[in-house]
Amino acid sequence: MPKSVNVLAVVTAFLLLAAACSRGSSSPTSPSGESSSGAVITGSVRSGASLLAVTTGGALPGMSVTVVGTSISSGIDAAGRFALNGVPAGSAQLKFVGPGVDASLTLSGVQSSQNIELVVALTGTSAAVESEVRTGADEQIEGRVESLPPTTAASTFVVAGRTITTDGTTRFEQSGTAKSFSDLQIGIRVHVTGRALGTNVLASRVEIQNTNVDVPAIVNGVIDSLTGTTLAFQFKIAGRVIKGDSLTEFFGDGSTQDSFSNLHDGVRIEVKGQQRDGYVYAARIHVNDGNDDSSDNGSNSQDSSASIHGTVTAMSGAIPNLVLTVGGVTVRTTGTTEVKRRGDVQSLDALRNGQSLHVVGNRQPDGSLIARQIEIDDDATGGEFEIEGALGGLQGTCPSITFNVNGFRVHTSGATTFQGATCTALKSGDKVQVKGTRNADGSVSATSVKRN
C-alpha cells in the first residue's frame, strides 16, 4: 500500500507541474486556458507602426488576447500572431490588451468543431475583423473579393487569400435576391459557405453583403521584395502585394522623404490606395522616418505630415469644413477628408463630441491639423451612433433582437423603429443602417433600424 501511495503522489505532482507550465505559457502556439475540445481561434493583428515595430524574436511586450469569461488567453508574437484553443461554442468575445490597445470584438456562432482564422485590425480601443475563415463541418469565409477571372480560373475568385470555386449548384444571394457569379466585383464584401476542395473551397452559397467597390485600402507595415522603377514598381507588406507607378504620390516625415528613391526593403510605410485584381494600387505612400507618428504632439515641422490620437472635446462649423478639438489640437476637415469606422467608409456627419479619433493630416504653422484621414476608434458612452453595413449573427425574438454590423453588437427593443422591413422580416445578409446610442460595454442600443 505505501508504494501505491508514493506512485500516486509522483503522478499527481507531475500532472500539477505540467498544468502549471501550460498556464505560464504566452506563446501564440501554446495558449493558456481551458480544454482543447472546443474551437481553435488563430490569427494575426494589423495596426500602426507603434504596435508592430518588433522585428526580432519573442512576443510583443505586454500584448495579449483573452476569451472574456474564460481562462483562455494567448500572447501575441513578434509577427502579430496568436492562437486560442478550447474556445466554447456560442458567442466568443475576444479582448486585446497591450501598450496603447484595449479593444474587444465578438464572434457569433462559434462551433466546437471549428478552426477559425482571423485578420484583426487594431486601433486603440477599436478592433475589427478584416477577414475571417472558418473550417470544420462547413468552410465559412468572409472578406472582400480580391481577384476575379481572368486573373483567376473560370468560375473562381479569391477572398481573404483563399480561392473560391463555384459550379452550377452554387447559390448567389444579396438580401434574399438571387444573384450570379457575374455580379461579383473587386472590393465587394461577401460571406462564403462551402466545403474544402483541396486547398480551395467549393462554395455552396455566396452571400453578397456590401456592393461598395470603391473601398480605399490602407496598409501599414514594412516593405519586402521591392522591384521596379518609379514608372512601375511593386513590393509586399505582410504578404499583400502593393503596386505603384508614376502617378503615385509620396509624402514623408522629413523634407527628403517624398520620392520613390526613399523606398527600400525594411522601410516602414503607410500605403493609401485601392484594392485591385490581386493587389493594392498605391495612390499615396507615406514614408516614416523611423519615429512613431502616433507619438507626435505637435513638434513636426511646418505643414509636415503628422498624426494624433485623442478625444473630441469641441466641434463647430458646417460640413465639409468642420473644426474639431481633438486631444487639445485643432483639427480642420475638408471635402477630401476621409472618415472611417472599423475600416468602413463613413461620412463627416458621423463625427460626434466624445469620440476617440486617430487623425492623420498636414501640420499647419499655427499647430493645427488639416485632416486627410480620420479613424473613429471609439464612440462616447451614451453618445449618438450610426453605422451602415451587412447584418449578421441575428439572435433573439422581436422586438428584442441582437445582431452584428461591421463588428458592432446591436440591441433592439420595443422602442426601436424599423424602416424598410419589419423586425420579423430582417435576416442575416440584409444591408441595414442603424442609429442609436453607444453602451458602456461597446454595444449599441438601436433607436432605428432601416433596411436598405
Protein backbone atom coordinates (compact mmCIF):
# COMPACT_ATOMS: atom_id res chain seq x y z
CA MET A 1 0.00 0.00 0.00
CA PRO A 2 2.71 2.60 0.84
CA LYS A 3 4.29 2.05 -2.59
CA SER A 4 0.95 2.66 -4.30
CA VAL A 5 0.50 5.93 -2.40
CA ASN A 6 4.00 7.07 -3.41
CA VAL A 7 3.34 6.32 -7.09
CA LEU A 8 0.08 8.23 -6.92
CA ALA A 9 1.85 11.17 -5.31
CA VAL A 10 4.50 11.24 -8.02
CA VAL A 11 1.91 11.09 -10.81
CA THR A 12 -0.16 13.83 -9.16
CA ALA A 13 2.86 16.07 -8.76
CA PHE A 14 3.83 15.53 -12.39
CA LEU A 15 0.35 16.46 -13.62
CA LEU A 16 0.26 19.58 -11.44
CA LEU A 17 3.67 20.63 -12.76
CA ALA A 18 2.55 20.11 -16.36
CA ALA A 19 -0.60 22.16 -15.77
CA ALA A 20 1.43 24.95 -14.21
CA CYS A 21 3.78 25.04 -17.20
CA SER A 22 0.80 25.21 -19.54
CA ARG A 23 -0.72 28.14 -17.63
CA GLY A 24 2.55 30.02 -17.71
CA SER A 25 2.92 29.97 -21.47
CA SER A 26 2.05 33.06 -23.50
CA SER A 27 3.26 31.71 -26.83
CA PRO A 28 0.76 32.01 -29.67
CA THR A 29 1.28 28.30 -30.36
CA SER A 30 0.80 27.32 -26.70
CA PRO A 31 -2.10 29.36 -25.36
CA SER A 32 -3.13 29.03 -21.76
CA GLY A 33 -6.58 28.14 -20.52
CA GLU A 34 -9.33 25.64 -20.84
CA SER A 35 -9.87 22.32 -22.59
CA SER A 36 -8.73 21.98 -26.17
CA SER A 37 -12.03 20.20 -27.06
CA GLY A 38 -13.61 23.47 -28.22
CA ALA A 39 -12.91 25.65 -31.23
CA VAL A 40 -9.44 26.80 -32.22
CA ILE A 41 -9.14 30.53 -33.00
CA THR A 42 -5.89 31.70 -34.57
CA GLY A 43 -4.99 34.86 -36.38
CA SER A 44 -2.88 37.95 -36.84
CA VAL A 45 -3.26 41.60 -35.94
CA ARG A 46 -2.68 44.64 -38.11
CA SER A 47 -2.06 48.08 -36.65
CA GLY A 48 0.16 51.14 -36.81
CA ALA A 49 3.93 51.20 -36.62
CA SER A 50 3.94 51.66 -32.85
CA LEU A 51 2.28 48.29 -32.24
CA LEU A 52 4.07 46.04 -34.72
CA ALA A 53 7.53 47.60 -34.59
CA VAL A 54 9.11 44.46 -33.10
CA THR A 55 11.04 42.65 -35.83
CA THR A 56 13.12 40.20 -33.80
CA GLY A 57 12.08 37.04 -32.00
CA GLY A 58 9.85 36.91 -28.97
CA ALA A 59 6.39 38.16 -28.12
CA LEU A 60 5.24 41.74 -28.48
CA PRO A 61 5.87 43.18 -24.99
CA GLY A 62 2.65 43.23 -22.98
CA MET A 63 0.40 42.27 -25.90
CA SER A 64 -2.17 39.51 -25.34
CA VAL A 65 -5.65 38.35 -26.31
CA THR A 66 -8.17 36.71 -23.95
CA VAL A 67 -11.54 35.00 -24.40
CA VAL A 68 -13.71 37.00 -21.99
CA GLY A 69 -15.36 34.89 -19.30
CA THR A 70 -12.79 32.09 -19.59
CA SER A 71 -9.16 31.49 -18.64
CA ILE A 72 -8.20 31.10 -22.32
CA SER A 73 -5.52 33.55 -23.41
CA SER A 74 -2.53 33.90 -25.71
CA GLY A 75 0.41 36.20 -26.13
CA ILE A 76 0.88 37.95 -29.47
CA ASP A 77 4.25 37.21 -31.03
CA ALA A 78 6.61 39.46 -32.98
CA ALA A 79 4.83 38.56 -36.22
CA GLY A 80 1.49 39.65 -34.74
CA ARG A 81 0.21 36.05 -34.42
CA PHE A 82 -1.92 34.49 -31.68
CA ALA A 83 -3.68 31.16 -31.01
CA LEU A 84 -6.57 30.27 -28.69
CA ASN A 85 -7.51 26.62 -28.05
CA GLY A 86 -10.64 25.12 -26.49
CA VAL A 87 -12.94 28.10 -27.10
CA PRO A 88 -16.50 27.18 -26.02
CA ALA A 89 -19.32 27.10 -28.56
CA GLY A 90 -21.59 30.14 -28.84
CA SER A 91 -20.54 33.80 -28.89
CA ALA A 92 -16.88 34.47 -28.07
CA GLN A 93 -15.71 37.92 -27.03
CA LEU A 94 -12.00 38.46 -27.70
CA LYS A 95 -10.25 41.17 -25.72
CA PHE A 96 -6.92 42.56 -26.97
CA VAL A 97 -4.78 44.45 -24.46
CA GLY A 98 -1.30 45.95 -24.54
CA PRO A 99 0.52 49.28 -24.80
CA GLY A 100 -1.99 51.74 -26.30
CA VAL A 101 -4.53 48.98 -27.01
CA ASP A 102 -7.67 47.94 -25.11
CA ALA A 103 -10.18 46.63 -27.64
CA SER A 104 -12.76 43.87 -27.96
CA LEU A 105 -14.65 42.10 -30.72
CA THR A 106 -17.37 39.42 -30.68
CA LEU A 107 -17.52 36.28 -32.84
CA SER A 108 -21.01 34.79 -33.09
CA GLY A 109 -21.95 31.20 -33.85
CA VAL A 110 -18.67 29.61 -32.80
CA GLN A 111 -18.86 25.80 -33.08
CA SER A 112 -16.70 23.44 -31.05
CA SER A 113 -15.52 21.65 -34.20
CA GLN A 114 -14.36 24.81 -35.96
CA ASN A 115 -10.94 26.21 -36.72
CA ILE A 116 -11.26 29.98 -37.14
CA GLU A 117 -8.53 32.11 -38.74
CA LEU A 118 -8.81 35.89 -38.33
CA VAL A 119 -7.10 39.05 -39.51
CA VAL A 120 -7.88 41.74 -36.93
CA ALA A 121 -7.34 45.48 -37.34
CA LEU A 122 -6.46 47.11 -34.00
CA THR A 123 -6.51 50.84 -33.34
CA GLY A 124 -6.60 51.99 -29.71
CA THR A 125 -9.98 50.86 -28.39
CA SER A 126 -11.20 49.58 -31.77
CA ALA A 127 -10.95 46.01 -33.05
CA ALA A 128 -12.41 44.98 -36.41
CA VAL A 129 -12.31 41.74 -38.39
CA GLU A 130 -10.72 42.36 -41.78
CA SER A 131 -11.18 38.74 -42.86
CA GLU A 132 -12.44 35.52 -41.29
CA VAL A 133 -12.03 31.90 -42.38
CA ARG A 134 -13.89 29.08 -40.59
CA THR A 135 -13.13 25.44 -41.28
CA GLY A 136 -14.86 22.40 -39.85
CA ALA A 137 -18.09 20.77 -40.92
CA ASP A 138 -18.52 23.76 -43.26
CA GLU A 139 -15.97 26.24 -44.54
CA GLN A 140 -17.01 29.85 -43.93
CA ILE A 141 -15.03 32.77 -45.33
CA GLU A 142 -15.84 36.46 -45.06
CA GLY A 143 -13.98 39.33 -46.64
CA ARG A 144 -13.64 41.42 -49.77
CA VAL A 145 -13.26 39.98 -53.25
CA GLU A 146 -9.57 40.29 -54.15
CA SER A 147 -9.33 38.57 -57.56
CA LEU A 148 -11.64 37.51 -60.40
CA PRO A 149 -11.20 35.95 -63.89
CA PRO A 150 -9.10 36.28 -66.00
CA THR A 151 -6.61 36.69 -63.13
CA THR A 152 -8.16 33.55 -61.65
CA ALA A 153 -9.52 30.45 -63.39
CA ALA A 154 -13.06 30.49 -64.78
CA SER A 155 -15.80 30.37 -62.09
CA THR A 156 -13.30 31.06 -59.29
CA PHE A 157 -12.45 34.10 -57.21
CA VAL A 158 -10.28 34.97 -54.20
CA VAL A 159 -11.45 36.13 -50.75
CA ALA A 160 -9.14 36.57 -47.75
CA GLY A 161 -6.37 34.86 -49.69
CA ARG A 162 -8.46 31.71 -50.33
CA THR A 163 -9.50 30.57 -53.80
CA ILE A 164 -13.28 30.00 -54.01
CA THR A 165 -14.55 27.58 -56.66
CA THR A 166 -18.18 27.75 -57.84
CA ASP A 167 -20.32 25.48 -60.00
CA GLY A 168 -23.90 25.09 -61.15
CA THR A 169 -25.10 24.29 -57.62
CA THR A 170 -23.63 27.42 -56.01
CA ARG A 171 -26.30 29.88 -54.82
CA PHE A 172 -25.53 33.60 -55.11
CA GLU A 173 -27.70 35.91 -52.98
CA GLN A 174 -27.98 39.51 -51.85
CA SER A 175 -30.61 40.46 -49.26
CA GLY A 176 -32.70 37.46 -50.28
CA THR A 177 -32.50 38.23 -54.02
CA ALA A 178 -30.90 35.71 -56.36
CA LYS A 179 -27.64 36.85 -57.95
CA SER A 180 -24.98 35.25 -60.15
CA PHE A 181 -21.21 35.00 -60.48
CA SER A 182 -21.28 37.95 -62.88
CA ASP A 183 -22.47 40.21 -60.02
CA LEU A 184 -19.13 39.81 -58.22
CA GLN A 185 -16.72 42.73 -58.41
CA ILE A 186 -13.33 43.50 -56.93
CA GLY A 187 -13.77 45.09 -53.50
CA ILE A 188 -17.31 43.98 -52.61
CA ARG A 189 -17.72 42.12 -49.31
CA VAL A 190 -19.03 38.55 -49.36
CA HIS A 191 -19.70 35.66 -46.99
CA VAL A 192 -18.93 32.24 -48.48
CA THR A 193 -20.20 28.90 -47.16
CA GLY A 194 -18.91 25.66 -48.66
CA ARG A 195 -16.59 22.70 -48.19
CA ALA A 196 -12.88 22.11 -48.62
CA LEU A 197 -11.75 21.11 -52.10
CA GLY A 198 -8.04 20.53 -51.65
CA THR A 199 -6.62 23.93 -50.73
CA ASN A 200 -9.64 25.67 -52.30
CA VAL A 201 -13.24 25.98 -51.15
CA LEU A 202 -16.18 24.74 -53.19
CA ALA A 203 -18.93 27.27 -52.43
CA SER A 204 -22.47 26.14 -51.81
CA ARG A 205 -23.59 29.72 -51.06
CA VAL A 206 -22.12 33.16 -51.74
CA GLU A 207 -23.83 36.00 -49.87
CA ILE A 208 -23.07 39.47 -51.22
CA GLN A 209 -23.01 41.74 -48.16
CA ASN A 210 -21.74 45.08 -49.44
CA THR A 211 -21.60 46.25 -53.05
CA ASN A 212 -19.41 49.28 -52.38
CA VAL A 213 -16.45 48.58 -54.68
CA ASP A 214 -14.85 51.99 -54.17
CA VAL A 215 -13.30 50.90 -50.88
CA PRO A 216 -10.00 52.61 -50.07
CA ALA A 217 -7.28 50.24 -48.90
CA ILE A 218 -4.88 51.40 -46.19
CA VAL A 219 -1.88 49.17 -45.48
CA ASN A 220 0.76 49.82 -42.81
CA GLY A 221 3.99 47.88 -42.46
CA VAL A 222 7.50 47.16 -43.64
CA ILE A 223 8.48 46.91 -47.31
CA ASP A 224 9.55 43.50 -48.57
CA SER A 225 10.68 42.36 -52.07
CA LEU A 226 10.76 45.80 -53.73
CA THR A 227 11.24 45.68 -57.53
CA GLY A 228 10.78 48.09 -60.45
CA THR A 229 11.28 51.78 -61.09
CA THR A 230 9.33 54.95 -60.43
CA LEU A 231 7.35 54.25 -63.63
CA ALA A 232 6.13 50.85 -62.39
CA PHE A 233 7.06 49.17 -59.11
CA GLN A 234 5.77 46.65 -56.63
CA PHE A 235 6.54 45.27 -53.17
CA LYS A 236 4.88 43.32 -50.37
CA ILE A 237 3.70 44.27 -46.90
CA ALA A 238 2.86 41.27 -44.69
CA GLY A 239 2.26 39.20 -47.83
CA ARG A 240 -0.04 41.72 -49.53
CA VAL A 241 1.10 42.83 -52.99
CA ILE A 242 1.34 46.61 -53.47
CA LYS A 243 1.85 48.20 -56.91
CA GLY A 244 2.51 51.80 -57.89
CA ASP A 245 3.51 53.92 -60.86
CA SER A 246 4.41 57.46 -61.91
CA LEU A 247 1.06 58.73 -60.56
CA THR A 248 1.78 57.52 -57.02
CA GLU A 249 2.30 60.44 -54.63
CA PHE A 250 4.95 60.31 -51.90
CA PHE A 251 4.92 62.02 -48.52
CA GLY A 252 7.31 61.85 -45.57
CA ASP A 253 8.04 62.99 -42.06
CA GLY A 254 11.10 64.84 -43.36
CA SER A 255 11.68 67.04 -46.40
CA THR A 256 13.76 64.38 -48.19
CA GLN A 257 11.31 61.50 -47.84
CA ASP A 258 8.99 62.38 -50.67
CA SER A 259 10.07 60.29 -53.66
CA PHE A 260 10.40 56.75 -54.95
CA SER A 261 14.11 56.80 -54.06
CA ASN A 262 13.18 56.57 -50.37
CA LEU A 263 11.61 53.12 -50.79
CA HIS A 264 13.80 50.22 -49.66
CA ASP A 265 13.25 46.80 -48.16
CA GLY A 266 12.85 47.21 -44.41
CA VAL A 267 11.43 50.76 -44.57
CA ARG A 268 8.15 51.25 -42.70
CA ILE A 269 5.43 52.99 -44.69
CA GLU A 270 1.71 53.65 -44.90
CA VAL A 271 0.00 52.99 -48.25
CA LYS A 272 -3.32 54.53 -49.21
CA GLY A 273 -4.88 53.20 -52.39
CA GLN A 274 -7.48 50.94 -53.94
CA GLN A 275 -7.98 47.18 -53.96
CA ARG A 276 -7.38 45.96 -57.50
CA ASP A 277 -7.41 42.48 -59.02
CA GLY A 278 -4.98 40.62 -56.75
CA TYR A 279 -3.13 43.68 -55.40
CA VAL A 280 -3.48 47.12 -53.83
CA TYR A 281 -2.77 50.08 -56.11
CA ALA A 282 -0.83 52.75 -54.18
CA ALA A 283 -2.22 56.23 -54.77
CA ARG A 284 -0.25 57.70 -51.85
CA ILE A 285 2.74 56.42 -49.89
CA HIS A 286 3.79 57.98 -46.61
CA VAL A 287 7.39 57.11 -45.69
CA ASN A 288 8.13 57.10 -41.96
CA ASP A 289 11.43 58.50 -40.77
CA GLY A 290 11.80 55.86 -38.04
CA ASN A 291 9.78 57.80 -35.47
CA ASP A 292 6.33 56.67 -34.40
CA ASP A 293 3.74 59.04 -35.83
CA SER A 294 1.32 58.19 -33.07
CA SER A 295 3.55 59.89 -30.53
CA ASP A 296 3.52 63.18 -32.41
CA ASN A 297 2.49 66.03 -30.17
CA GLY A 298 2.81 68.95 -32.50
CA SER A 299 6.58 69.12 -32.88
CA ASN A 300 6.64 68.26 -36.58
CA SER A 301 7.86 70.93 -38.93
CA GLN A 302 5.58 73.39 -40.69
CA ASP A 303 2.98 71.77 -42.99
CA SER A 304 4.52 68.29 -42.46
CA SER A 305 2.58 65.06 -42.15
CA ALA A 306 1.54 64.21 -38.60
CA SER A 307 -0.99 62.14 -36.69
CA ILE A 308 -2.68 62.40 -33.30
CA HIS A 309 -4.90 60.30 -31.05
CA GLY A 310 -7.42 61.95 -28.75
CA THR A 311 -10.98 62.63 -27.69
CA VAL A 312 -13.23 65.17 -29.44
CA THR A 313 -13.99 67.86 -26.87
CA ALA A 314 -15.41 70.54 -29.19
CA MET A 315 -16.87 70.69 -32.69
CA SER A 316 -18.09 73.60 -34.78
CA GLY A 317 -18.52 74.65 -38.40
CA ALA A 318 -20.54 73.14 -41.22
CA ILE A 319 -19.79 70.07 -43.34
CA PRO A 320 -17.34 69.74 -45.03
CA ASN A 321 -15.45 72.49 -43.18
CA LEU A 322 -15.65 71.29 -39.59
CA VAL A 323 -13.36 72.47 -36.80
CA LEU A 324 -12.69 69.86 -34.10
CA THR A 325 -10.66 69.93 -30.92
CA VAL A 326 -9.02 66.50 -30.62
CA GLY A 327 -6.77 65.89 -27.65
CA GLY A 328 -6.26 69.65 -27.34
CA VAL A 329 -5.27 70.05 -31.02
CA THR A 330 -7.38 71.97 -33.55
CA VAL A 331 -8.34 69.72 -36.49
CA ARG A 332 -9.96 71.05 -39.66
CA THR A 333 -11.75 68.90 -42.23
CA THR A 334 -12.25 69.47 -45.96
CA GLY A 335 -14.25 67.92 -48.75
CA THR A 336 -11.44 65.39 -49.31
CA THR A 337 -11.17 64.25 -45.67
CA GLU A 338 -11.75 60.50 -45.43
CA VAL A 339 -13.62 59.19 -42.38
CA LYS A 340 -13.66 55.52 -41.37
CA ARG A 341 -15.08 53.44 -38.57
CA ARG A 342 -13.52 49.97 -38.23
CA GLY A 343 -12.32 50.08 -41.82
CA ASP A 344 -15.64 51.09 -43.38
CA VAL A 345 -16.04 54.49 -45.04
CA GLN A 346 -18.26 56.95 -43.18
CA SER A 347 -19.41 60.50 -43.89
CA LEU A 348 -18.29 63.56 -41.94
CA ASP A 349 -21.65 63.71 -40.16
CA ALA A 350 -20.64 60.53 -38.28
CA LEU A 351 -18.28 62.65 -36.14
CA ARG A 352 -19.50 63.42 -32.61
CA ASN A 353 -18.26 65.01 -29.40
CA GLY A 354 -16.78 62.43 -27.03
CA GLN A 355 -15.45 60.13 -29.76
CA SER A 356 -11.88 58.87 -29.69
CA LEU A 357 -10.23 59.65 -33.03
CA HIS A 358 -6.99 58.86 -34.85
CA VAL A 359 -6.31 61.79 -37.19
CA VAL A 360 -3.71 61.85 -39.97
CA GLY A 361 -3.09 65.14 -41.76
CA ASN A 362 -0.79 68.06 -42.52
CA ARG A 363 0.56 70.21 -39.68
CA GLN A 364 -0.03 73.95 -40.18
CA PRO A 365 2.08 76.92 -38.96
CA ASP A 366 -0.38 77.57 -36.11
CA GLY A 367 -0.07 73.95 -34.89
CA SER A 368 -3.47 72.85 -36.22
CA LEU A 369 -4.01 69.85 -38.50
CA ILE A 370 -5.74 69.70 -41.90
CA ALA A 371 -7.16 66.16 -41.75
CA ARG A 372 -6.62 63.74 -44.63
CA GLN A 373 -7.89 60.69 -42.74
CA ILE A 374 -9.95 60.29 -39.57
CA GLU A 375 -10.46 56.87 -37.98
CA ILE A 376 -13.21 56.69 -35.35
CA ASP A 377 -11.60 54.49 -32.70
CA ASP A 378 -14.46 54.56 -30.22
CA ASP A 379 -17.72 56.36 -29.52
CA ALA A 380 -18.59 58.04 -26.25
CA THR A 381 -20.85 56.04 -23.93
CA GLY A 382 -24.37 57.41 -24.28
CA GLY A 383 -23.42 59.36 -27.40
CA GLU A 384 -25.21 59.27 -30.74
CA PHE A 385 -24.07 56.45 -33.01
CA GLU A 386 -24.66 55.50 -36.63
CA ILE A 387 -23.36 52.57 -38.67
CA GLU A 388 -24.25 51.02 -42.03
CA GLY A 389 -23.40 47.55 -43.29
CA ALA A 390 -24.47 43.92 -43.61
CA LEU A 391 -26.42 42.36 -40.76
CA GLY A 392 -25.10 39.10 -39.30
CA GLY A 393 -25.40 36.81 -36.26
CA LEU A 394 -29.13 37.51 -35.80
CA GLN A 395 -30.49 36.23 -32.46
CA GLY A 396 -33.49 36.75 -30.19
CA THR A 397 -37.22 37.32 -30.65
CA CYS A 398 -38.77 40.52 -31.97
CA PRO A 399 -38.79 43.24 -30.89
CA SER A 400 -35.80 42.35 -28.68
CA ILE A 401 -33.18 41.04 -31.11
CA THR A 402 -29.40 41.33 -31.34
CA PHE A 403 -27.15 41.25 -34.39
CA ASN A 404 -23.74 42.39 -35.63
CA VAL A 405 -22.97 45.16 -38.12
CA ASN A 406 -19.31 45.65 -39.07
CA GLY A 407 -18.15 44.22 -35.74
CA PHE A 408 -20.61 46.19 -33.57
CA ARG A 409 -23.21 44.32 -31.47
CA VAL A 410 -26.64 45.94 -31.87
CA HIS A 411 -29.60 45.53 -29.48
CA THR A 412 -33.19 46.45 -30.36
CA SER A 413 -36.23 46.84 -28.11
CA GLY A 414 -39.88 47.85 -28.19
CA ALA A 415 -38.71 51.47 -28.53
CA THR A 416 -36.79 50.76 -31.76
CA THR A 417 -38.41 51.86 -35.02
CA PHE A 418 -37.95 49.64 -38.09
CA GLN A 419 -37.97 51.05 -41.63
CA GLY A 420 -37.85 49.28 -44.99
CA ALA A 421 -38.73 45.99 -43.31
CA THR A 422 -40.42 44.82 -40.14
CA CYS A 423 -38.37 43.37 -37.31
CA THR A 424 -39.51 39.83 -38.16
CA ALA A 425 -38.51 40.28 -41.82
CA LEU A 426 -34.86 41.02 -41.05
CA LYS A 427 -32.34 38.29 -41.84
CA SER A 428 -28.60 37.80 -41.93
CA GLY A 429 -27.09 39.42 -45.02
CA ASP A 430 -29.53 42.35 -45.13
CA LYS A 431 -27.84 45.73 -45.56
CA VAL A 432 -29.04 47.99 -42.77
CA GLN A 433 -28.49 51.47 -41.39
CA VAL A 434 -28.53 51.59 -37.59
CA LYS A 435 -28.93 54.69 -35.44
CA GLY A 436 -28.75 54.59 -31.69
CA THR A 437 -26.60 55.22 -28.62
CA ARG A 438 -23.36 53.59 -27.50
CA ASN A 439 -23.41 51.46 -24.34
CA ALA A 440 -20.61 51.16 -21.79
CA ASP A 441 -19.80 47.61 -22.98
CA GLY A 442 -19.29 48.85 -26.56
CA SER A 443 -22.61 47.57 -27.90
CA VAL A 444 -25.29 49.78 -29.48
CA SER A 445 -28.89 50.33 -28.34
CA ALA A 446 -30.73 50.99 -31.58
CA THR A 447 -33.32 53.75 -31.83
CA SER A 448 -33.91 52.93 -35.50
CA VAL A 449 -33.03 50.15 -37.95
CA LYS A 450 -33.53 50.78 -41.66
CA ARG A 451 -33.16 48.01 -44.25
CA ASN A 452 -31.76 49.48 -47.47
